[in-house]
Amino acid sequence: FPALFSISEIVQAPDWQALANVRLQSRERRVEGFMLKRLDAAYGT
């Protein structure tokens, strides 16, 4: 159903420092930073 909704983009980086560098693009992308979610985690309320 591609016309219904978009899904959040996953940001890839080899390490935390590289992610910190990508995070510097936040203002130009009009975002607040990152959300980090453990891949093995169940959904928490």
PDB file of all heavy atoms in Angstrom:
ATOM      1  N   PHE A   1       0.834  -1.203   0.000  1.00  0.00           N
ATOM      2  CA  PHE A   1       0.000   0.000   0.000  1.00  0.00           C
ATOM      3  C   PHE A   1       0.876   1.263   0.000  1.00  0.00           C
ATOM      4  O   PHE A   1       0.796   2.068   0.929  1.00  0.00           O
ATOM      5  CB  PHE A   1      -0.916   0.014   1.234  1.00  0.00           C
ATOM      6  CG  PHE A   1      -1.844  -1.153   1.310  1.00  0.00           C
ATOM      7  CD1 PHE A   1      -1.533  -2.255   2.090  1.00  0.00           C
ATOM      8  CD2 PHE A   1      -3.031  -1.167   0.593  1.00  0.00           C
ATOM      9  CE1 PHE A   1      -2.389  -3.336   2.159  1.00  0.00           C
ATOM     10  CE2 PHE A   1      -3.888  -2.238   0.656  1.00  0.00           C
ATOM     11  CZ  PHE A   1      -3.573  -3.331   1.424  1.00  0.00           C
ATOM     12  N   PRO A   2       1.693   1.466  -1.041  1.00  0.00           N
ATOM     13  CA  PRO A   2       2.661   2.569  -0.997  1.00  0.00           C
ATOM     14  C   PRO A   2       2.041   3.963  -0.963  1.00  0.00           C
ATOM     15  O   PRO A   2       2.668   4.901  -0.476  1.00  0.00           O
ATOM     16  CB  PRO A   2       3.485   2.363  -2.269  1.00  0.00           C
ATOM     17  CG  PRO A   2       2.599   1.597  -3.181  1.00  0.00           C
ATOM     18  CD  PRO A   2       1.761   0.722  -2.293  1.00  0.00           C
ATOM     19  N   ALA A   3       0.827   4.128  -1.440  1.00  0.00           N
ATOM     20  CA  ALA A   3       0.226   5.464  -1.473  1.00  0.00           C
ATOM     21  C   ALA A   3      -0.417   5.853  -0.144  1.00  0.00           C
ATOM     22  O   ALA A   3      -0.763   7.011   0.055  1.00  0.00           O
ATOM     23  CB  ALA A   3      -0.813   5.531  -2.587  1.00  0.00           C
ATOM     24  N   LEU A   4      -0.578   4.904   0.770  1.00  0.00           N
ATOM     25  CA  LEU A   4      -1.300   5.178   2.008  1.00  0.00           C
ATOM     26  C   LEU A   4      -0.477   5.874   3.066  1.00  0.00           C
ATOM     27  O   LEU A   4      -0.948   6.759   3.760  1.00  0.00           O
ATOM     28  CB  LEU A   4      -1.821   3.878   2.612  1.00  0.00           C
ATOM     29  CG  LEU A   4      -2.910   3.158   1.854  1.00  0.00           C
ATOM     30  CD1 LEU A   4      -3.356   1.942   2.627  1.00  0.00           C
ATOM     31  CD2 LEU A   4      -4.077   4.078   1.621  1.00  0.00           C
ATOM     32  N   PHE A   5       0.732   5.435   3.243  1.00  0.00           N
ATOM     33  CA  PHE A   5       1.562   5.967   4.308  1.00  0.00           C
ATOM     34  C   PHE A   5       3.020   5.762   3.937  1.00  0.00           C
ATOM     35  O   PHE A   5       3.342   4.959   3.070  1.00  0.00           O
ATOM     36  CB  PHE A   5       1.248   5.294   5.649  1.00  0.00           C
ATOM     37  CG  PHE A   5       1.498   3.819   5.682  1.00  0.00           C
ATOM     38  CD1 PHE A   5       2.718   3.316   6.099  1.00  0.00           C
ATOM     39  CD2 PHE A   5       0.523   2.915   5.280  1.00  0.00           C
ATOM     40  CE1 PHE A   5       2.957   1.953   6.126  1.00  0.00           C
ATOM     41  CE2 PHE A   5       0.748   1.556   5.307  1.00  0.00           C
ATOM     42  CZ  PHE A   5       1.980   1.072   5.729  1.00  0.00           C
ATOM     43  N   SER A   6       3.882   6.516   4.583  1.00  0.00           N
ATOM     44  CA  SER A   6       5.309   6.295   4.401  1.00  0.00           C
ATOM     45  C   SER A   6       5.842   5.684   5.691  1.00  0.00           C
ATOM     46  O   SER A   6       5.242   5.842   6.748  1.00  0.00           O
ATOM     47  CB  SER A   6       6.015   7.618   4.107  1.00  0.00           C
ATOM     48  OG  SER A   6       5.939   8.480   5.215  1.00  0.00           O
ATOM     49  N   ILE A   7       6.931   4.985   5.586  1.00  0.00           N
ATOM     50  CA  ILE A   7       7.527   4.437   6.804  1.00  0.00           C
ATOM     51  C   ILE A   7       8.795   5.214   7.116  1.00  0.00           C
ATOM     52  O   ILE A   7       9.427   5.795   6.236  1.00  0.00           O
ATOM     53  CB  ILE A   7       7.798   2.919   6.723  1.00  0.00           C
ATOM     54  CG1 ILE A   7       8.729   2.555   5.578  1.00  0.00           C
ATOM     55  CG2 ILE A   7       6.502   2.150   6.616  1.00  0.00           C
ATOM     56  CD1 ILE A   7       9.110   1.095   5.559  1.00  0.00           C
ATOM     57  N   SER A   8       9.124   5.236   8.374  1.00  0.00           N
ATOM     58  CA  SER A   8      10.298   5.985   8.809  1.00  0.00           C
ATOM     59  C   SER A   8      11.553   5.380   8.194  1.00  0.00           C
ATOM     60  O   SER A   8      11.698   4.171   8.098  1.00  0.00           O
ATOM     61  CB  SER A   8      10.390   5.982  10.329  1.00  0.00           C
ATOM     62  OG  SER A   8      10.534   4.659  10.802  1.00  0.00           O
ATOM     63  N   GLU A   9      12.426   6.263   7.781  1.00  0.00           N
ATOM     64  CA  GLU A   9      13.696   5.854   7.184  1.00  0.00           C
ATOM     65  C   GLU A   9      14.640   5.345   8.269  1.00  0.00           C
ATOM     66  O   GLU A   9      14.747   5.938   9.337  1.00  0.00           O
ATOM     67  CB  GLU A   9      14.314   7.077   6.496  1.00  0.00           C
ATOM     68  CG  GLU A   9      15.713   6.900   6.004  1.00  0.00           C
ATOM     69  CD  GLU A   9      16.333   8.224   5.546  1.00  0.00           C
ATOM     70  OE1 GLU A   9      15.628   9.240   5.454  1.00  0.00           O
ATOM     71  OE2 GLU A   9      17.545   8.221   5.299  1.00  0.00           O
ATOM     72  N   ILE A  10      15.291   4.232   7.993  1.00  0.00           N
ATOM     73  CA  ILE A  10      16.318   3.733   8.911  1.00  0.00           C
ATOM     74  C   ILE A  10      17.648   4.360   8.522  1.00  0.00           C
ATOM     75  O   ILE A  10      18.033   4.365   7.359  1.00  0.00           O
ATOM     76  CB  ILE A  10      16.396   2.191   8.878  1.00  0.00           C
ATOM     77  CG1 ILE A  10      15.104   1.601   9.435  1.00  0.00           C
ATOM     78  CG2 ILE A  10      17.614   1.699   9.654  1.00  0.00           C
ATOM     79  CD1 ILE A  10      15.053   0.097   9.426  1.00  0.00           C
ATOM     80  N   VAL A  11      18.325   4.910   9.507  1.00  0.00           N
ATOM     81  CA  VAL A  11      19.617   5.562   9.299  1.00  0.00           C
ATOM     82  C   VAL A  11      20.706   4.532   9.575  1.00  0.00           C
ATOM     83  O   VAL A  11      20.733   3.921  10.642  1.00  0.00           O
ATOM     84  CB  VAL A  11      19.772   6.784  10.230  1.00  0.00           C
ATOM     85  CG1 VAL A  11      21.117   7.458  10.003  1.00  0.00           C
ATOM     86  CG2 VAL A  11      18.613   7.757  10.022  1.00  0.00           C
ATOM     87  N   GLN A  12      21.586   4.356   8.617  1.00  0.00           N
ATOM     88  CA  GLN A  12      22.666   3.377   8.731  1.00  0.00           C
ATOM     89  C   GLN A  12      23.993   4.093   8.986  1.00  0.00           C
ATOM     90  O   GLN A  12      24.257   5.133   8.400  1.00  0.00           O
ATOM     91  CB  GLN A  12      22.795   2.564   7.435  1.00  0.00           C
ATOM     92  CG  GLN A  12      21.543   1.836   7.022  1.00  0.00           C
ATOM     93  CD  GLN A  12      21.279   0.608   7.877  1.00  0.00           C
ATOM     94  OE1 GLN A  12      22.160   0.108   8.565  1.00  0.00           O
ATOM     95  NE2 GLN A  12      20.062   0.121   7.830  1.00  0.00           N
ATOM     96  N   ALA A  13      24.805   3.512   9.852  1.00  0.00           N
ATOM     97  CA  ALA A  13      26.148   4.024  10.100  1.00  0.00           C
ATOM     98  C   ALA A  13      26.974   2.903  10.720  1.00  0.00           C
ATOM     99  O   ALA A  13      26.425   2.047  11.417  1.00  0.00           O
ATOM    100  CB  ALA A  13      26.100   5.230  11.030  1.00  0.00           C
ATOM    101  N   PRO A  14      28.273   2.904  10.483  1.00  0.00           N
ATOM    102  CA  PRO A  14      29.113   1.808  10.989  1.00  0.00           C
ATOM    103  C   PRO A  14      29.371   1.857  12.495  1.00  0.00           C
ATOM    104  O   PRO A  14      29.697   0.840  13.093  1.00  0.00           O
ATOM    105  CB  PRO A  14      30.420   1.966  10.213  1.00  0.00           C
ATOM    106  CG  PRO A  14      30.457   3.409   9.825  1.00  0.00           C
ATOM    107  CD  PRO A  14      29.025   3.827   9.635  1.00  0.00           C
ATOM    108  N   ASP A  15      29.238   3.044  13.110  1.00  0.00           N
ATOM    109  CA  ASP A  15      29.515   3.160  14.541  1.00  0.00           C
ATOM    110  C   ASP A  15      28.806   4.395  15.097  1.00  0.00           C
ATOM    111  O   ASP A  15      28.206   5.167  14.365  1.00  0.00           O
ATOM    112  CB  ASP A  15      31.026   3.204  14.810  1.00  0.00           C
ATOM    113  CG  ASP A  15      31.729   4.320  14.058  1.00  0.00           C
ATOM    114  OD1 ASP A  15      31.204   5.453  14.008  1.00  0.00           O
ATOM    115  OD2 ASP A  15      32.822   4.072  13.500  1.00  0.00           O
ATOM    116  N   TRP A  16      28.902   4.553  16.416  1.00  0.00           N
ATOM    117  CA  TRP A  16      28.198   5.656  17.085  1.00  0.00           C
ATOM    118  C   TRP A  16      28.741   7.019  16.683  1.00  0.00           C
ATOM    119  O   TRP A  16      27.976   7.987  16.572  1.00  0.00           O
ATOM    120  CB  TRP A  16      28.240   5.473  18.601  1.00  0.00           C
ATOM    121  CG  TRP A  16      27.423   4.296  19.035  1.00  0.00           C
ATOM    122  CD1 TRP A  16      27.891   3.096  19.503  1.00  0.00           C
ATOM    123  CD2 TRP A  16      25.996   4.189  19.005  1.00  0.00           C
ATOM    124  NE1 TRP A  16      26.841   2.256  19.764  1.00  0.00           N
ATOM    125  CE2 TRP A  16      25.654   2.903  19.467  1.00  0.00           C
ATOM    126  CE3 TRP A  16      24.969   5.043  18.622  1.00  0.00           C
ATOM    127  CZ2 TRP A  16      24.347   2.454  19.573  1.00  0.00           C
ATOM    128  CZ3 TRP A  16      23.653   4.605  18.720  1.00  0.00           C
ATOM    129  CH2 TRP A  16      23.352   3.324  19.193  1.00  0.00           C
ATOM    130  N   GLN A  17      30.023   7.135  16.451  1.00  0.00           N
ATOM    131  CA  GLN A  17      30.581   8.422  16.035  1.00  0.00           C
ATOM    132  C   GLN A  17      30.051   8.815  14.655  1.00  0.00           C
ATOM    133  O   GLN A  17      29.724   9.979  14.421  1.00  0.00           O
ATOM    134  CB  GLN A  17      32.118   8.394  16.023  1.00  0.00           C
ATOM    135  CG  GLN A  17      32.734   9.749  15.683  1.00  0.00           C
ATOM    136  CD  GLN A  17      32.275  10.877  16.598  1.00  0.00           C
ATOM    137  OE1 GLN A  17      32.389  10.782  17.814  1.00  0.00           O
ATOM    138  NE2 GLN A  17      31.736  11.954  16.033  1.00  0.00           N
ATOM    139  N   ALA A  18      29.962   7.861  13.765  1.00  0.00           N
ATOM    140  CA  ALA A  18      29.406   8.157  12.437  1.00  0.00           C
ATOM    141  C   ALA A  18      27.941   8.590  12.558  1.00  0.00           C
ATOM    142  O   ALA A  18      27.494   9.500  11.853  1.00  0.00           O
ATOM    143  CB  ALA A  18      29.540   6.933  11.533  1.00  0.00           C
ATOM    144  N   LEU A  19      27.193   7.946  13.458  1.00  0.00           N
ATOM    145  CA  LEU A  19      25.807   8.367  13.691  1.00  0.00           C
ATOM    146  C   LEU A  19      25.757   9.788  14.256  1.00  0.00           C
ATOM    147  O   LEU A  19      24.894  10.585  13.866  1.00  0.00           O
ATOM    148  CB  LEU A  19      25.109   7.414  14.661  1.00  0.00           C
ATOM    149  CG  LEU A  19      24.416   6.219  14.048  1.00  0.00           C
ATOM    150  CD1 LEU A  19      23.854   5.324  15.140  1.00  0.00           C
ATOM    151  CD2 LEU A  19      23.331   6.628  13.087  1.00  0.00           C
ATOM    152  N   ALA A  20      26.655  10.097  15.164  1.00  0.00           N
ATOM    153  CA  ALA A  20      26.701  11.451  15.727  1.00  0.00           C
ATOM    154  C   ALA A  20      26.941  12.479  14.621  1.00  0.00           C
ATOM    155  O   ALA A  20      26.347  13.563  14.629  1.00  0.00           O
ATOM    156  CB  ALA A  20      27.784  11.543  16.799  1.00  0.00           C
ATOM    157  N   ASN A  21      27.777  12.121  13.653  1.00  0.00           N
ATOM    158  CA  ASN A  21      28.043  13.030  12.532  1.00  0.00           C
ATOM    159  C   ASN A  21      26.796  13.194  11.651  1.00  0.00           C
ATOM    160  O   ASN A  21      26.490  14.303  11.215  1.00  0.00           O
ATOM    161  CB  ASN A  21      29.223  12.531  11.707  1.00  0.00           C
ATOM    162  CG  ASN A  21      30.537  12.609  12.476  1.00  0.00           C
ATOM    163  OD1 ASN A  21      30.672  13.369  13.429  1.00  0.00           O
ATOM    164  ND2 ASN A  21      31.495  11.797  12.072  1.00  0.00           N
ATOM    165  N   VAL A  22      26.074  12.104  11.397  1.00  0.00           N
ATOM    166  CA  VAL A  22      24.842  12.176  10.600  1.00  0.00           C
ATOM    167  C   VAL A  22      23.785  12.993  11.342  1.00  0.00           C
ATOM    168  O   VAL A  22      23.040  13.767  10.738  1.00  0.00           O
ATOM    169  CB  VAL A  22      24.314  10.759  10.268  1.00  0.00           C
ATOM    170  CG1 VAL A  22      22.964  10.826   9.575  1.00  0.00           C
ATOM    171  CG2 VAL A  22      25.311  10.001   9.403  1.00  0.00           C
ATOM    172  N   ARG A  23      23.751  12.842  12.651  1.00  0.00           N
ATOM    173  CA  ARG A  23      22.785  13.565  13.484  1.00  0.00           C
ATOM    174  C   ARG A  23      22.929  15.078  13.339  1.00  0.00           C
ATOM    175  O   ARG A  23      21.967  15.830  13.539  1.00  0.00           O
ATOM    176  CB  ARG A  23      22.961  13.126  14.939  1.00  0.00           C
ATOM    177  CG  ARG A  23      21.962  13.669  15.901  1.00  0.00           C
ATOM    178  CD  ARG A  23      22.185  13.003  17.269  1.00  0.00           C
ATOM    179  NE  ARG A  23      21.822  13.886  18.338  1.00  0.00           N
ATOM    180  CZ  ARG A  23      22.638  14.682  19.005  1.00  0.00           C
ATOM    181  NH1 ARG A  23      23.921  14.684  18.734  1.00  0.00           N
ATOM    182  NH2 ARG A  23      22.201  15.452  19.956  1.00  0.00           N
ATOM    183  N   LEU A  24      24.095  15.544  12.947  1.00  0.00           N
ATOM    184  CA  LEU A  24      24.318  16.972  12.736  1.00  0.00           C
ATOM    185  C   LEU A  24      23.450  17.535  11.603  1.00  0.00           C
ATOM    186  O   LEU A  24      23.292  18.745  11.493  1.00  0.00           O
ATOM    187  CB  LEU A  24      25.803  17.243  12.453  1.00  0.00           C
ATOM    188  CG  LEU A  24      26.773  16.907  13.593  1.00  0.00           C
ATOM    189  CD1 LEU A  24      28.218  17.083  13.134  1.00  0.00           C
ATOM    190  CD2 LEU A  24      26.476  17.762  14.817  1.00  0.00           C
ATOM    191  N   GLN A  25      22.884  16.665  10.781  1.00  0.00           N
ATOM    192  CA  GLN A  25      21.997  17.090   9.683  1.00  0.00           C
ATOM    193  C   GLN A  25      20.572  17.362  10.169  1.00  0.00           C
ATOM    194  O   GLN A  25      19.714  17.748   9.376  1.00  0.00           O
ATOM    195  CB  GLN A  25      21.927  16.006   8.602  1.00  0.00           C
ATOM    196  CG  GLN A  25      23.221  15.624   7.983  1.00  0.00           C
ATOM    197  CD  GLN A  25      23.065  14.384   7.105  1.00  0.00           C
ATOM    198  OE1 GLN A  25      21.969  13.940   6.803  1.00  0.00           O
ATOM    199  NE2 GLN A  25      24.188  13.831   6.702  1.00  0.00           N
ATOM    200  N   SER A  26      20.297  17.155  11.443  1.00  0.00           N
ATOM    201  CA  SER A  26      18.928  17.229  11.961  1.00  0.00           C
ATOM    202  C   SER A  26      18.225  18.532  11.624  1.00  0.00           C
ATOM    203  O   SER A  26      17.086  18.522  11.147  1.00  0.00           O
ATOM    204  CB  SER A  26      18.920  17.011  13.476  1.00  0.00           C
ATOM    205  OG  SER A  26      19.340  15.707  13.788  1.00  0.00           O
ATOM    206  N   ARG A  27      18.842  19.658  11.879  1.00  0.00           N
ATOM    207  CA  ARG A  27      18.163  20.936  11.637  1.00  0.00           C
ATOM    208  C   ARG A  27      17.811  21.117  10.166  1.00  0.00           C
ATOM    209  O   ARG A  27      16.709  21.538   9.851  1.00  0.00           O
ATOM    210  CB  ARG A  27      19.009  22.099  12.118  1.00  0.00           C
ATOM    211  CG  ARG A  27      18.871  22.326  13.600  1.00  0.00           C
ATOM    212  CD  ARG A  27      19.448  23.654  14.023  1.00  0.00           C
ATOM    213  NE  ARG A  27      19.398  23.970  15.420  1.00  0.00           N
ATOM    214  CZ  ARG A  27      19.552  23.186  16.457  1.00  0.00           C
ATOM    215  NH1 ARG A  27      19.738  21.925  16.293  1.00  0.00           N
ATOM    216  NH2 ARG A  27      19.511  23.623  17.689  1.00  0.00           N
ATOM    217  N   GLU A  28      18.729  20.806   9.276  1.00  0.00           N
ATOM    218  CA  GLU A  28      18.437  20.983   7.852  1.00  0.00           C
ATOM    219  C   GLU A  28      17.348  20.005   7.379  1.00  0.00           C
ATOM    220  O   GLU A  28      16.635  20.292   6.427  1.00  0.00           O
ATOM    221  CB  GLU A  28      19.694  20.870   6.993  1.00  0.00           C
ATOM    222  CG  GLU A  28      20.326  19.502   6.965  1.00  0.00           C
ATOM    223  CD  GLU A  28      21.694  19.498   6.308  1.00  0.00           C
ATOM    224  OE1 GLU A  28      22.576  20.248   6.759  1.00  0.00           O
ATOM    225  OE2 GLU A  28      21.863  18.725   5.349  1.00  0.00           O
ATOM    226  N   ARG A  29      17.203  18.889   8.054  1.00  0.00           N
ATOM    227  CA  ARG A  29      16.140  17.924   7.728  1.00  0.00           C
ATOM    228  C   ARG A  29      14.833  18.254   8.449  1.00  0.00           C
ATOM    229  O   ARG A  29      13.838  17.578   8.251  1.00  0.00           O
ATOM    230  CB  ARG A  29      16.578  16.508   8.115  1.00  0.00           C
ATOM    231  CG  ARG A  29      17.654  15.941   7.250  1.00  0.00           C
ATOM    232  CD  ARG A  29      18.070  14.569   7.781  1.00  0.00           C
ATOM    233  NE  ARG A  29      18.946  13.901   6.889  1.00  0.00           N
ATOM    234  CZ  ARG A  29      18.577  13.020   5.959  1.00  0.00           C
ATOM    235  NH1 ARG A  29      17.320  12.712   5.828  1.00  0.00           N
ATOM    236  NH2 ARG A  29      19.461  12.459   5.182  1.00  0.00           N
ATOM    237  N   ARG A  30      14.876  19.239   9.346  1.00  0.00           N
ATOM    238  CA  ARG A  30      13.720  19.638  10.157  1.00  0.00           C
ATOM    239  C   ARG A  30      13.244  18.504  11.056  1.00  0.00           C
ATOM    240  O   ARG A  30      12.060  18.208  11.151  1.00  0.00           O
ATOM    241  CB  ARG A  30      12.581  20.155   9.292  1.00  0.00           C
ATOM    242  CG  ARG A  30      12.909  21.422   8.561  1.00  0.00           C
ATOM    243  CD  ARG A  30      11.701  21.964   7.860  1.00  0.00           C
ATOM    244  NE  ARG A  30      12.070  23.168   7.141  1.00  0.00           N
ATOM    245  CZ  ARG A  30      11.306  23.735   6.243  1.00  0.00           C
ATOM    246  NH1 ARG A  30      10.133  23.220   5.953  1.00  0.00           N
ATOM    247  NH2 ARG A  30      11.691  24.812   5.634  1.00  0.00           N
ATOM    248  N   VAL A  31      14.202  17.866  11.703  1.00  0.00           N
ATOM    249  CA  VAL A  31      13.904  16.807  12.669  1.00  0.00           C
ATOM    250  C   VAL A  31      14.556  17.158  13.997  1.00  0.00           C
ATOM    251  O   VAL A  31      15.380  18.069  14.070  1.00  0.00           O
ATOM    252  CB  VAL A  31      14.375  15.413  12.175  1.00  0.00           C
ATOM    253  CG1 VAL A  31      13.653  15.001  10.910  1.00  0.00           C
ATOM    254  CG2 VAL A  31      15.885  15.384  11.952  1.00  0.00           C
ATOM    255  N   GLU A  32      14.200  16.414  15.031  1.00  0.00           N
ATOM    256  CA  GLU A  32      14.688  16.700  16.382  1.00  0.00           C
ATOM    257  C   GLU A  32      15.904  15.872  16.767  1.00  0.00           C
ATOM    258  O   GLU A  32      16.381  15.976  17.888  1.00  0.00           O
ATOM    259  CB  GLU A  32      13.568  16.436  17.389  1.00  0.00           C
ATOM    260  CG  GLU A  32      12.357  17.311  17.190  1.00  0.00           C
ATOM    261  CD  GLU A  32      11.271  17.002  18.197  1.00  0.00           C
ATOM    262  OE1 GLU A  32      10.976  15.806  18.423  1.00  0.00           O
ATOM    263  OE2 GLU A  32      10.740  17.957  18.774  1.00  0.00           O
ATOM    264  N   GLY A  33      16.370  15.017  15.887  1.00  0.00           N
ATOM    265  CA  GLY A  33      17.483  14.125  16.194  1.00  0.00           C
ATOM    266  C   GLY A  33      17.118  12.710  15.793  1.00  0.00           C
ATOM    267  O   GLY A  33      16.512  12.493  14.744  1.00  0.00           O
ATOM    268  N   PHE A  34      17.456  11.749  16.654  1.00  0.00           N
ATOM    269  CA  PHE A  34      17.216  10.330  16.364  1.00  0.00           C
ATOM    270  C   PHE A  34      16.330   9.676  17.410  1.00  0.00           C
ATOM    271  O   PHE A  34      16.303  10.095  18.573  1.00  0.00           O
ATOM    272  CB  PHE A  34      18.537   9.545  16.371  1.00  0.00           C
ATOM    273  CG  PHE A  34      19.443   9.778  15.204  1.00  0.00           C
ATOM    274  CD1 PHE A  34      20.819   9.861  15.402  1.00  0.00           C
ATOM    275  CD2 PHE A  34      18.957   9.889  13.918  1.00  0.00           C
ATOM    276  CE1 PHE A  34      21.684  10.045  14.341  1.00  0.00           C
ATOM    277  CE2 PHE A  34      19.812  10.075  12.828  1.00  0.00           C
ATOM    278  CZ  PHE A  34      21.186  10.157  13.054  1.00  0.00           C
ATOM    279  N   MET A  35      15.686   8.603  16.986  1.00  0.00           N
ATOM    280  CA  MET A  35      15.072   7.620  17.881  1.00  0.00           C
ATOM    281  C   MET A  35      15.908   6.354  17.744  1.00  0.00           C
ATOM    282  O   MET A  35      16.201   5.930  16.625  1.00  0.00           O
ATOM    283  CB  MET A  35      13.622   7.314  17.493  1.00  0.00           C
ATOM    284  CG  MET A  35      12.635   8.386  17.849  1.00  0.00           C
ATOM    285  SD  MET A  35      12.524   8.786  19.592  1.00  0.00           S
ATOM    286  CE  MET A  35      12.094   7.226  20.332  1.00  0.00           C
ATOM    287  N   LEU A  36      16.289   5.779  18.864  1.00  0.00           N
ATOM    288  CA  LEU A  36      17.063   4.536  18.887  1.00  0.00           C
ATOM    289  C   LEU A  36      16.173   3.449  19.471  1.00  0.00           C
ATOM    290  O   LEU A  36      15.616   3.618  20.552  1.00  0.00           O
ATOM    291  CB  LEU A  36      18.309   4.699  19.753  1.00  0.00           C
ATOM    292  CG  LEU A  36      19.181   5.930  19.490  1.00  0.00           C
ATOM    293  CD1 LEU A  36      20.279   6.032  20.537  1.00  0.00           C
ATOM    294  CD2 LEU A  36      19.760   5.888  18.096  1.00  0.00           C
ATOM    295  N   LYS A  37      16.045   2.327  18.750  1.00  0.00           N
ATOM    296  CA  LYS A  37      15.174   1.237  19.196  1.00  0.00           C
ATOM    297  C   LYS A  37      15.929  -0.082  19.112  1.00  0.00           C
ATOM    298  O   LYS A  37      16.472  -0.420  18.052  1.00  0.00           O
ATOM    299  CB  LYS A  37      13.928   1.161  18.305  1.00  0.00           C
ATOM    300  CG  LYS A  37      13.139   2.449  18.299  1.00  0.00           C
ATOM    301  CD  LYS A  37      12.011   2.396  17.281  1.00  0.00           C
ATOM    302  CE  LYS A  37      11.279   3.716  17.210  1.00  0.00           C
ATOM    303  NZ  LYS A  37      10.244   3.699  16.174  1.00  0.00           N
ATOM    304  N   ARG A  38      15.954  -0.815  20.203  1.00  0.00           N
ATOM    305  CA  ARG A  38      16.626  -2.127  20.201  1.00  0.00           C
ATOM    306  C   ARG A  38      15.914  -3.066  19.229  1.00  0.00           C
ATOM    307  O   ARG A  38      14.694  -3.196  19.275  1.00  0.00           O
ATOM    308  CB  ARG A  38      16.637  -2.743  21.593  1.00  0.00           C
ATOM    309  CG  ARG A  38      17.682  -2.098  22.495  1.00  0.00           C
ATOM    310  CD  ARG A  38      18.008  -2.957  23.692  1.00  0.00           C
ATOM    311  NE  ARG A  38      18.420  -4.299  23.325  1.00  0.00           N
ATOM    312  CZ  ARG A  38      19.684  -4.674  23.109  1.00  0.00           C
ATOM    313  NH1 ARG A  38      20.651  -3.796  23.205  1.00  0.00           N
ATOM    314  NH2 ARG A  38      19.976  -5.908  22.798  1.00  0.00           N
ATOM    315  N   LEU A  39      16.672  -3.705  18.373  1.00  0.00           N
ATOM    316  CA  LEU A  39      16.098  -4.599  17.364  1.00  0.00           C
ATOM    317  C   LEU A  39      15.443  -5.839  17.963  1.00  0.00           C
ATOM    318  O   LEU A  39      14.539  -6.409  17.373  1.00  0.00           O
ATOM    319  CB  LEU A  39      17.170  -5.014  16.352  1.00  0.00           C
ATOM    320  CG  LEU A  39      17.614  -3.916  15.393  1.00  0.00           C
ATOM    321  CD1 LEU A  39      18.852  -4.355  14.626  1.00  0.00           C
ATOM    322  CD2 LEU A  39      16.487  -3.538  14.450  1.00  0.00           C
ATOM    323  N   ASP A  40      15.890  -6.257  19.151  1.00  0.00           N
ATOM    324  CA  ASP A  40      15.340  -7.472  19.751  1.00  0.00           C
ATOM    325  C   ASP A  40      14.188  -7.186  20.715  1.00  0.00           C
ATOM    326  O   ASP A  40      13.651  -8.102  21.327  1.00  0.00           O
ATOM    327  CB  ASP A  40      16.438  -8.259  20.478  1.00  0.00           C
ATOM    328  CG  ASP A  40      17.097  -7.473  21.617  1.00  0.00           C
ATOM    329  OD1 ASP A  40      16.775  -6.274  21.801  1.00  0.00           O
ATOM    330  OD2 ASP A  40      17.938  -8.061  22.316  1.00  0.00           O
ATOM    331  N   ALA A  41      13.773  -5.928  20.821  1.00  0.00           N
ATOM    332  CA  ALA A  41      12.777  -5.542  21.827  1.00  0.00           C
ATOM    333  C   ALA A  41      11.339  -5.711  21.345  1.00  0.00           C
ATOM    334  O   ALA A  41      11.020  -5.410  20.194  1.00  0.00           O
ATOM    335  CB  ALA A  41      12.996  -4.096  22.245  1.00  0.00           C
ATOM    336  N   ALA A  42      10.497  -6.139  22.265  1.00  0.00           N
ATOM    337  CA  ALA A  42       9.052  -6.128  22.041  1.00  0.00           C
ATOM    338  C   ALA A  42       8.583  -4.677  22.118  1.00  0.00           C
ATOM    339  O   ALA A  42       9.306  -3.805  22.600  1.00  0.00           O
ATOM    340  CB  ALA A  42       8.348  -6.970  23.105  1.00  0.00           C
ATOM    341  N   TYR A  43       7.364  -4.421  21.660  1.00  0.00           N
ATOM    342  CA  TYR A  43       6.799  -3.074  21.732  1.00  0.00           C
ATOM    343  C   TYR A  43       6.434  -2.763  23.175  1.00  0.00           C
ATOM    344  O   TYR A  43       5.762  -3.539  23.833  1.00  0.00           O
ATOM    345  CB  TYR A  43       5.562  -2.977  20.845  1.00  0.00           C
ATOM    346  CG  TYR A  43       4.967  -1.586  20.787  1.00  0.00           C
ATOM    347  CD1 TYR A  43       5.463  -0.656  19.878  1.00  0.00           C
ATOM    348  CD2 TYR A  43       3.943  -1.209  21.639  1.00  0.00           C
ATOM    349  CE1 TYR A  43       4.938   0.622  19.812  1.00  0.00           C
ATOM    350  CE2 TYR A  43       3.410   0.072  21.583  1.00  0.00           C
ATOM    351  CZ  TYR A  43       3.913   0.979  20.668  1.00  0.00           C
ATOM    352  OH  TYR A  43       3.380   2.249  20.613  1.00  0.00           O
ATOM    353  N   GLY A  44       6.889  -1.638  23.672  1.00  0.00           N
ATOM    354  CA  GLY A  44       6.584  -1.235  25.037  1.00  0.00           C
ATOM    355  C   GLY A  44       5.601  -0.082  25.051  1.00  0.00           C
ATOM    356  O   GLY A  44       5.637   0.779  24.178  1.00  0.00           O
ATOM    357  N   THR A  45       4.722  -0.083  26.020  1.00  0.00           N
ATOM    358  CA  THR A  45       3.783   1.021  26.164  1.00  0.00           C
ATOM    359  C   THR A  45       4.289   1.986  27.220  1.00  0.00           C
ATOM    360  O   THR A  45       5.101   1.621  28.074  1.00  0.00           O
ATOM    361  CB  THR A  45       2.374   0.515  26.547  1.00  0.00           C
ATOM    362  OG1 THR A  45       2.473  -0.222  27.771  1.00  0.00           O
ATOM    363  CG2 THR A  45       1.798  -0.379  25.467  1.00  0.00           C
TER     364      THR A  45
END
